[in-house]
Amino acid sequence: MPNAEISCRGLKSMELWDAIHGRRSIRKFKPEPVPRPLLEALIKKAMWAPSAMNTQPWKFIVLTGQKRQALIDISCRALAQLDIRLRALFNEKMRTFIHGYFKDFGGAPAIVVVLTAVPEHEVYLAGNYQASAAALYNLLLLAYEAGLGTCWMTGPLWVEKELLDFLGYPDWRLVGLTPIGYPDQTPPVPPRKHEEILWLDD
């Protein structure tokens, strides 16, 4: 029986599999800036994600320069106020890593924030999150294809209110954010939990 990798590589979209398989979470970046036209092109392509009734509920915000630093400063201040919660969740080594990474986001020259709209009826909110998360994942794959590194961060959800107020979208919701830039590391490939697949049949 052929293994999963051989089967996937037999498909026409081999390049897509390479991106899915090769993408890593990058936490150290080169200072070289990413050209704005390149970032814009990648984000526009990422927005081709599916969404319920084609609502396209996402919003992408790119921060560079002083705005990038302002977001980092706000995140650090807000995170410091949550240290008691962090102590309950993580050991000292992990807390030190979290605080350290929030101080500079690995030196990435740009940060992309993804928000989702709050629908009139709450029952649709989960769908908005899912669609916007799909768009964010598209960006990660497209960035990898373009030679860029990313790191999907959900830690900023701890300081969601502060970030939304800073960005000027207090009535939206934060899906996640990613630093983006040219990678300065090659993380090892982590194991995958393929045994988690559950088949239901007759």
C-alpha atoms as a PDB file:
ATOM      1  CA  MET A   1       0.000   0.000   0.000  1.00  0.00           C
ATOM      2  CA  PRO A   2       1.573   3.345  -0.983  1.00  0.00           C
ATOM      3  CA  ASN A   3       2.337   5.730   1.821  1.00  0.00           C
ATOM      4  CA  ALA A   4       0.531   9.060   2.199  1.00  0.00           C
ATOM      5  CA  GLU A   5       3.391  11.130   0.787  1.00  0.00           C
ATOM      6  CA  ILE A   6       3.594   9.121  -2.440  1.00  0.00           C
ATOM      7  CA  SER A   7      -0.177   9.306  -2.863  1.00  0.00           C
ATOM      8  CA  CYS A   8      -0.227  13.065  -2.367  1.00  0.00           C
ATOM      9  CA  ARG A   9       2.654  13.591  -4.761  1.00  0.00           C
ATOM     10  CA  GLY A  10       0.704  11.692  -7.379  1.00  0.00           C
ATOM     11  CA  LEU A  11      -1.863  14.472  -7.461  1.00  0.00           C
ATOM     12  CA  LYS A  12      -1.654  17.278 -10.007  1.00  0.00           C
ATOM     13  CA  SER A  13      -1.197  19.929  -7.290  1.00  0.00           C
ATOM     14  CA  MET A  14       2.232  18.695  -6.215  1.00  0.00           C
ATOM     15  CA  GLU A  15       3.390  22.261  -5.560  1.00  0.00           C
ATOM     16  CA  LEU A  16       0.582  22.717  -3.040  1.00  0.00           C
ATOM     17  CA  TRP A  17       1.663  19.597  -1.175  1.00  0.00           C
ATOM     18  CA  ASP A  18       5.229  20.883  -1.081  1.00  0.00           C
ATOM     19  CA  ALA A  19       4.023  24.097   0.543  1.00  0.00           C
ATOM     20  CA  ILE A  20       1.848  22.269   3.075  1.00  0.00           C
ATOM     21  CA  HIS A  21       4.647  19.855   3.930  1.00  0.00           C
ATOM     22  CA  GLY A  22       7.495  22.350   3.904  1.00  0.00           C
ATOM     23  CA  ARG A  23       5.989  25.301   5.773  1.00  0.00           C
ATOM     24  CA  ARG A  24       7.375  25.795   9.286  1.00  0.00           C
ATOM     25  CA  SER A  25       6.618  28.272  12.055  1.00  0.00           C
ATOM     26  CA  ILE A  26       9.498  30.750  11.860  1.00  0.00           C
ATOM     27  CA  ARG A  27      10.520  32.650  14.983  1.00  0.00           C
ATOM     28  CA  LYS A  28      13.706  34.315  13.750  1.00  0.00           C
ATOM     29  CA  PHE A  29      13.762  36.638  10.756  1.00  0.00           C
ATOM     30  CA  LYS A  30      16.279  38.607   8.736  1.00  0.00           C
ATOM     31  CA  PRO A  31      15.884  42.411   8.959  1.00  0.00           C
ATOM     32  CA  GLU A  32      15.470  42.740   5.189  1.00  0.00           C
ATOM     33  CA  PRO A  33      12.051  44.335   4.492  1.00  0.00           C
ATOM     34  CA  VAL A  34       9.449  42.563   2.400  1.00  0.00           C
ATOM     35  CA  PRO A  35       8.475  44.605  -0.684  1.00  0.00           C
ATOM     36  CA  ARG A  36       5.006  46.079  -0.268  1.00  0.00           C
ATOM     37  CA  PRO A  37       3.804  44.952  -3.727  1.00  0.00           C
ATOM     38  CA  LEU A  38       4.732  41.369  -2.821  1.00  0.00           C
ATOM     39  CA  LEU A  39       2.816  41.473   0.468  1.00  0.00           C
ATOM     40  CA  GLU A  40      -0.211  43.002  -1.223  1.00  0.00           C
ATOM     41  CA  ALA A  41      -0.183  40.340  -3.928  1.00  0.00           C
ATOM     42  CA  LEU A  42       0.053  37.519  -1.386  1.00  0.00           C
ATOM     43  CA  ILE A  43      -2.787  38.885   0.739  1.00  0.00           C
ATOM     44  CA  LYS A  44      -5.057  39.395  -2.268  1.00  0.00           C
ATOM     45  CA  LYS A  45      -4.481  35.765  -3.241  1.00  0.00           C
ATOM     46  CA  ALA A  46      -5.061  34.608   0.346  1.00  0.00           C
ATOM     47  CA  MET A  47      -8.485  36.259   0.263  1.00  0.00           C
ATOM     48  CA  TRP A  48      -9.678  33.610  -2.192  1.00  0.00           C
ATOM     49  CA  ALA A  49     -10.605  31.486   0.823  1.00  0.00           C
ATOM     50  CA  PRO A  50     -14.123  30.030   1.059  1.00  0.00           C
ATOM     51  CA  SER A  51     -16.721  31.754   3.222  1.00  0.00           C
ATOM     52  CA  ALA A  52     -20.401  31.184   3.960  1.00  0.00           C
ATOM     53  CA  MET A  53     -22.579  32.863   1.328  1.00  0.00           C
ATOM     54  CA  ASN A  54     -19.383  34.500   0.029  1.00  0.00           C
ATOM     55  CA  THR A  55     -19.462  37.011   2.888  1.00  0.00           C
ATOM     56  CA  GLN A  56     -15.641  37.307   2.945  1.00  0.00           C
ATOM     57  CA  PRO A  57     -15.741  38.461   6.604  1.00  0.00           C
ATOM     58  CA  TRP A  58     -11.998  39.004   7.036  1.00  0.00           C
ATOM     59  CA  LYS A  59      -9.846  42.086   7.287  1.00  0.00           C
ATOM     60  CA  PHE A  60      -6.060  42.009   6.798  1.00  0.00           C
ATOM     61  CA  ILE A  61      -3.980  44.748   8.424  1.00  0.00           C
ATOM     62  CA  VAL A  62      -0.245  45.062   7.711  1.00  0.00           C
ATOM     63  CA  LEU A  63       1.980  46.880  10.190  1.00  0.00           C
ATOM     64  CA  THR A  64       5.536  47.984   9.494  1.00  0.00           C
ATOM     65  CA  GLY A  65       7.887  50.615  10.868  1.00  0.00           C
ATOM     66  CA  GLN A  66       6.595  52.661  13.805  1.00  0.00           C
ATOM     67  CA  LYS A  67       3.137  51.070  13.705  1.00  0.00           C
ATOM     68  CA  ARG A  68       4.722  47.641  14.015  1.00  0.00           C
ATOM     69  CA  GLN A  69       6.677  48.798  17.051  1.00  0.00           C
ATOM     70  CA  ALA A  70       3.593  50.417  18.588  1.00  0.00           C
ATOM     71  CA  LEU A  71       1.681  47.140  18.316  1.00  0.00           C
ATOM     72  CA  ILE A  72       4.579  45.299  19.950  1.00  0.00           C
ATOM     73  CA  ASP A  73       4.730  47.845  22.791  1.00  0.00           C
ATOM     74  CA  ILE A  74       0.994  47.560  23.463  1.00  0.00           C
ATOM     75  CA  SER A  75       1.176  43.762  23.391  1.00  0.00           C
ATOM     76  CA  CYS A  76       4.061  43.706  25.860  1.00  0.00           C
ATOM     77  CA  ARG A  77       2.383  46.092  28.299  1.00  0.00           C
ATOM     78  CA  ALA A  78      -0.899  44.207  28.184  1.00  0.00           C
ATOM     79  CA  LEU A  79       0.839  40.852  28.502  1.00  0.00           C
ATOM     80  CA  ALA A  80       2.743  42.025  31.581  1.00  0.00           C
ATOM     81  CA  GLN A  81      -0.595  42.662  33.283  1.00  0.00           C
ATOM     82  CA  LEU A  82      -1.583  39.056  32.598  1.00  0.00           C
ATOM     83  CA  ASP A  83       1.510  37.530  34.178  1.00  0.00           C
ATOM     84  CA  ILE A  84      -0.513  35.957  36.990  1.00  0.00           C
ATOM     85  CA  ARG A  85      -2.554  34.040  34.421  1.00  0.00           C
ATOM     86  CA  LEU A  86       0.603  33.014  32.585  1.00  0.00           C
ATOM     87  CA  ARG A  87       2.071  31.659  35.803  1.00  0.00           C
ATOM     88  CA  ALA A  88      -0.951  29.417  36.199  1.00  0.00           C
ATOM     89  CA  LEU A  89      -0.633  28.090  32.649  1.00  0.00           C
ATOM     90  CA  PHE A  90       3.092  27.861  31.892  1.00  0.00           C
ATOM     91  CA  ASN A  91       6.386  27.071  33.575  1.00  0.00           C
ATOM     92  CA  GLU A  92       9.065  29.726  33.945  1.00  0.00           C
ATOM     93  CA  LYS A  93      10.934  28.698  30.803  1.00  0.00           C
ATOM     94  CA  MET A  94       7.833  29.035  28.634  1.00  0.00           C
ATOM     95  CA  ARG A  95       6.829  32.343  30.245  1.00  0.00           C
ATOM     96  CA  THR A  96      10.297  33.732  29.555  1.00  0.00           C
ATOM     97  CA  PHE A  97      10.031  32.612  25.934  1.00  0.00           C
ATOM     98  CA  ILE A  98       6.579  34.191  25.517  1.00  0.00           C
ATOM     99  CA  HIS A  99       7.632  37.535  26.967  1.00  0.00           C
ATOM    100  CA  GLY A 100      10.844  37.499  24.921  1.00  0.00           C
ATOM    101  CA  TYR A 101       9.129  36.723  21.637  1.00  0.00           C
ATOM    102  CA  PHE A 102       6.467  39.376  22.173  1.00  0.00           C
ATOM    103  CA  LYS A 103       9.222  41.997  22.530  1.00  0.00           C
ATOM    104  CA  ASP A 104      10.293  41.770  18.893  1.00  0.00           C
ATOM    105  CA  PHE A 105       8.307  39.030  17.127  1.00  0.00           C
ATOM    106  CA  GLY A 106      11.542  37.431  16.009  1.00  0.00           C
ATOM    107  CA  GLY A 107      12.734  40.596  14.303  1.00  0.00           C
ATOM    108  CA  ALA A 108      10.189  40.269  11.494  1.00  0.00           C
ATOM    109  CA  PRO A 109       9.953  43.519   9.512  1.00  0.00           C
ATOM    110  CA  ALA A 110       6.173  43.235   9.111  1.00  0.00           C
ATOM    111  CA  ILE A 111       3.212  41.926  11.074  1.00  0.00           C
ATOM    112  CA  VAL A 112      -0.040  40.858   9.439  1.00  0.00           C
ATOM    113  CA  VAL A 113      -3.138  40.915  11.634  1.00  0.00           C
ATOM    114  CA  VAL A 114      -6.313  39.112  10.571  1.00  0.00           C
ATOM    115  CA  LEU A 115      -9.672  40.187  11.984  1.00  0.00           C
ATOM    116  CA  THR A 116     -13.161  38.867  11.397  1.00  0.00           C
ATOM    117  CA  ALA A 117     -16.444  40.744  11.357  1.00  0.00           C
ATOM    118  CA  VAL A 118     -19.059  40.214  14.066  1.00  0.00           C
ATOM    119  CA  PRO A 119     -22.299  39.255  12.294  1.00  0.00           C
ATOM    120  CA  GLU A 120     -25.728  40.480  13.282  1.00  0.00           C
ATOM    121  CA  HIS A 121     -26.686  36.996  14.418  1.00  0.00           C
ATOM    122  CA  GLU A 122     -24.225  35.267  16.757  1.00  0.00           C
ATOM    123  CA  VAL A 123     -24.864  31.868  15.204  1.00  0.00           C
ATOM    124  CA  TYR A 124     -22.782  32.981  12.197  1.00  0.00           C
ATOM    125  CA  LEU A 125     -19.762  34.097  14.233  1.00  0.00           C
ATOM    126  CA  ALA A 126     -18.101  30.663  14.260  1.00  0.00           C
ATOM    127  CA  GLY A 127     -18.366  30.532  10.479  1.00  0.00           C
ATOM    128  CA  ASN A 128     -16.730  33.947  10.200  1.00  0.00           C
ATOM    129  CA  TYR A 129     -13.829  32.758  12.352  1.00  0.00           C
ATOM    130  CA  GLN A 130     -13.417  29.639  10.226  1.00  0.00           C
ATOM    131  CA  ALA A 131     -13.440  31.531   6.935  1.00  0.00           C
ATOM    132  CA  SER A 132     -10.978  34.142   8.185  1.00  0.00           C
ATOM    133  CA  ALA A 133      -8.708  31.435   9.589  1.00  0.00           C
ATOM    134  CA  ALA A 134      -8.744  29.735   6.183  1.00  0.00           C
ATOM    135  CA  ALA A 135      -7.661  33.011   4.582  1.00  0.00           C
ATOM    136  CA  LEU A 136      -4.842  33.352   7.109  1.00  0.00           C
ATOM    137  CA  TYR A 137      -3.645  29.821   6.368  1.00  0.00           C
ATOM    138  CA  ASN A 138      -3.703  30.611   2.659  1.00  0.00           C
ATOM    139  CA  LEU A 139      -1.343  33.480   3.420  1.00  0.00           C
ATOM    140  CA  LEU A 140       1.053  31.193   5.290  1.00  0.00           C
ATOM    141  CA  LEU A 141       1.278  28.811   2.336  1.00  0.00           C
ATOM    142  CA  LEU A 142       1.617  31.583  -0.232  1.00  0.00           C
ATOM    143  CA  ALA A 143       4.310  33.263   1.852  1.00  0.00           C
ATOM    144  CA  TYR A 144       6.274  30.018   2.031  1.00  0.00           C
ATOM    145  CA  GLU A 145       6.027  29.640  -1.738  1.00  0.00           C
ATOM    146  CA  ALA A 146       7.422  33.183  -2.068  1.00  0.00           C
ATOM    147  CA  GLY A 147      10.406  32.387   0.164  1.00  0.00           C
ATOM    148  CA  LEU A 148       9.008  34.123   3.244  1.00  0.00           C
ATOM    149  CA  GLY A 149       8.578  32.862   6.786  1.00  0.00           C
ATOM    150  CA  THR A 150       5.531  33.197   9.017  1.00  0.00           C
ATOM    151  CA  CYS A 151       4.324  32.107  12.439  1.00  0.00           C
ATOM    152  CA  TRP A 152       0.598  31.897  13.147  1.00  0.00           C
ATOM    153  CA  MET A 153       0.243  33.431  16.612  1.00  0.00           C
ATOM    154  CA  THR A 154      -2.828  33.030  18.802  1.00  0.00           C
ATOM    155  CA  GLY A 155      -1.107  34.292  21.962  1.00  0.00           C
ATOM    156  CA  PRO A 156      -2.187  37.863  21.101  1.00  0.00           C
ATOM    157  CA  LEU A 157      -5.765  36.710  21.747  1.00  0.00           C
ATOM    158  CA  TRP A 158      -4.896  37.223  25.420  1.00  0.00           C
ATOM    159  CA  VAL A 159      -4.663  40.947  24.706  1.00  0.00           C
ATOM    160  CA  GLU A 160      -7.367  41.100  22.044  1.00  0.00           C
ATOM    161  CA  LYS A 161      -9.167  44.178  23.395  1.00  0.00           C
ATOM    162  CA  GLU A 162      -5.998  46.249  23.566  1.00  0.00           C
ATOM    163  CA  LEU A 163      -4.988  45.293  20.030  1.00  0.00           C
ATOM    164  CA  LEU A 164      -8.429  45.925  18.539  1.00  0.00           C
ATOM    165  CA  ASP A 165      -8.607  49.344  20.193  1.00  0.00           C
ATOM    166  CA  PHE A 166      -5.155  50.216  18.854  1.00  0.00           C
ATOM    167  CA  LEU A 167      -6.055  49.096  15.337  1.00  0.00           C
ATOM    168  CA  GLY A 168      -9.309  51.059  15.399  1.00  0.00           C
ATOM    169  CA  TYR A 169     -11.625  48.056  15.068  1.00  0.00           C
ATOM    170  CA  PRO A 170     -13.022  47.517  18.590  1.00  0.00           C
ATOM    171  CA  ASP A 171     -16.181  45.857  17.271  1.00  0.00           C
ATOM    172  CA  TRP A 172     -14.336  43.193  15.297  1.00  0.00           C
ATOM    173  CA  ARG A 173     -12.690  39.998  16.561  1.00  0.00           C
ATOM    174  CA  LEU A 174      -9.056  38.945  16.377  1.00  0.00           C
ATOM    175  CA  VAL A 175      -8.449  35.692  14.493  1.00  0.00           C
ATOM    176  CA  GLY A 176      -4.669  35.682  14.724  1.00  0.00           C
ATOM    177  CA  LEU A 177      -1.584  37.410  13.491  1.00  0.00           C
ATOM    178  CA  THR A 178       1.685  36.464  11.905  1.00  0.00           C
ATOM    179  CA  PRO A 179       5.059  38.124  11.706  1.00  0.00           C
ATOM    180  CA  ILE A 180       6.273  37.850   8.132  1.00  0.00           C
ATOM    181  CA  GLY A 181       9.705  38.228   6.599  1.00  0.00           C
ATOM    182  CA  TYR A 182      12.673  36.353   5.210  1.00  0.00           C
ATOM    183  CA  PRO A 183      13.492  33.431   7.540  1.00  0.00           C
ATOM    184  CA  ASP A 184      16.755  33.278   9.439  1.00  0.00           C
ATOM    185  CA  GLN A 185      16.284  29.713  10.707  1.00  0.00           C
ATOM    186  CA  THR A 186      15.171  26.289   9.509  1.00  0.00           C
ATOM    187  CA  PRO A 187      13.182  24.565  12.273  1.00  0.00           C
ATOM    188  CA  PRO A 188      13.054  20.749  12.306  1.00  0.00           C
ATOM    189  CA  VAL A 189       9.977  18.943  11.057  1.00  0.00           C
ATOM    190  CA  PRO A 190       7.747  18.021  14.021  1.00  0.00           C
ATOM    191  CA  PRO A 191       5.963  14.646  14.151  1.00  0.00           C
ATOM    192  CA  ARG A 192       2.382  14.443  12.950  1.00  0.00           C
ATOM    193  CA  LYS A 193      -0.543  12.702  14.668  1.00  0.00           C
ATOM    194  CA  HIS A 194      -1.800  10.721  11.705  1.00  0.00           C
ATOM    195  CA  GLU A 195      -3.307   8.164  14.073  1.00  0.00           C
ATOM    196  CA  GLU A 196      -5.870  10.823  15.031  1.00  0.00           C
ATOM    197  CA  ILE A 197      -7.804  10.126  11.813  1.00  0.00           C
ATOM    198  CA  LEU A 198     -11.104   8.412  12.630  1.00  0.00           C
ATOM    199  CA  TRP A 199     -13.030   6.491   9.989  1.00  0.00           C
ATOM    200  CA  LEU A 200     -16.733   5.745  10.402  1.00  0.00           C
ATOM    201  CA  ASP A 201     -18.300   3.206   8.058  1.00  0.00           C
ATOM    202  CA  ASP A 202     -20.949   0.476   8.072  1.00  0.00           C
END
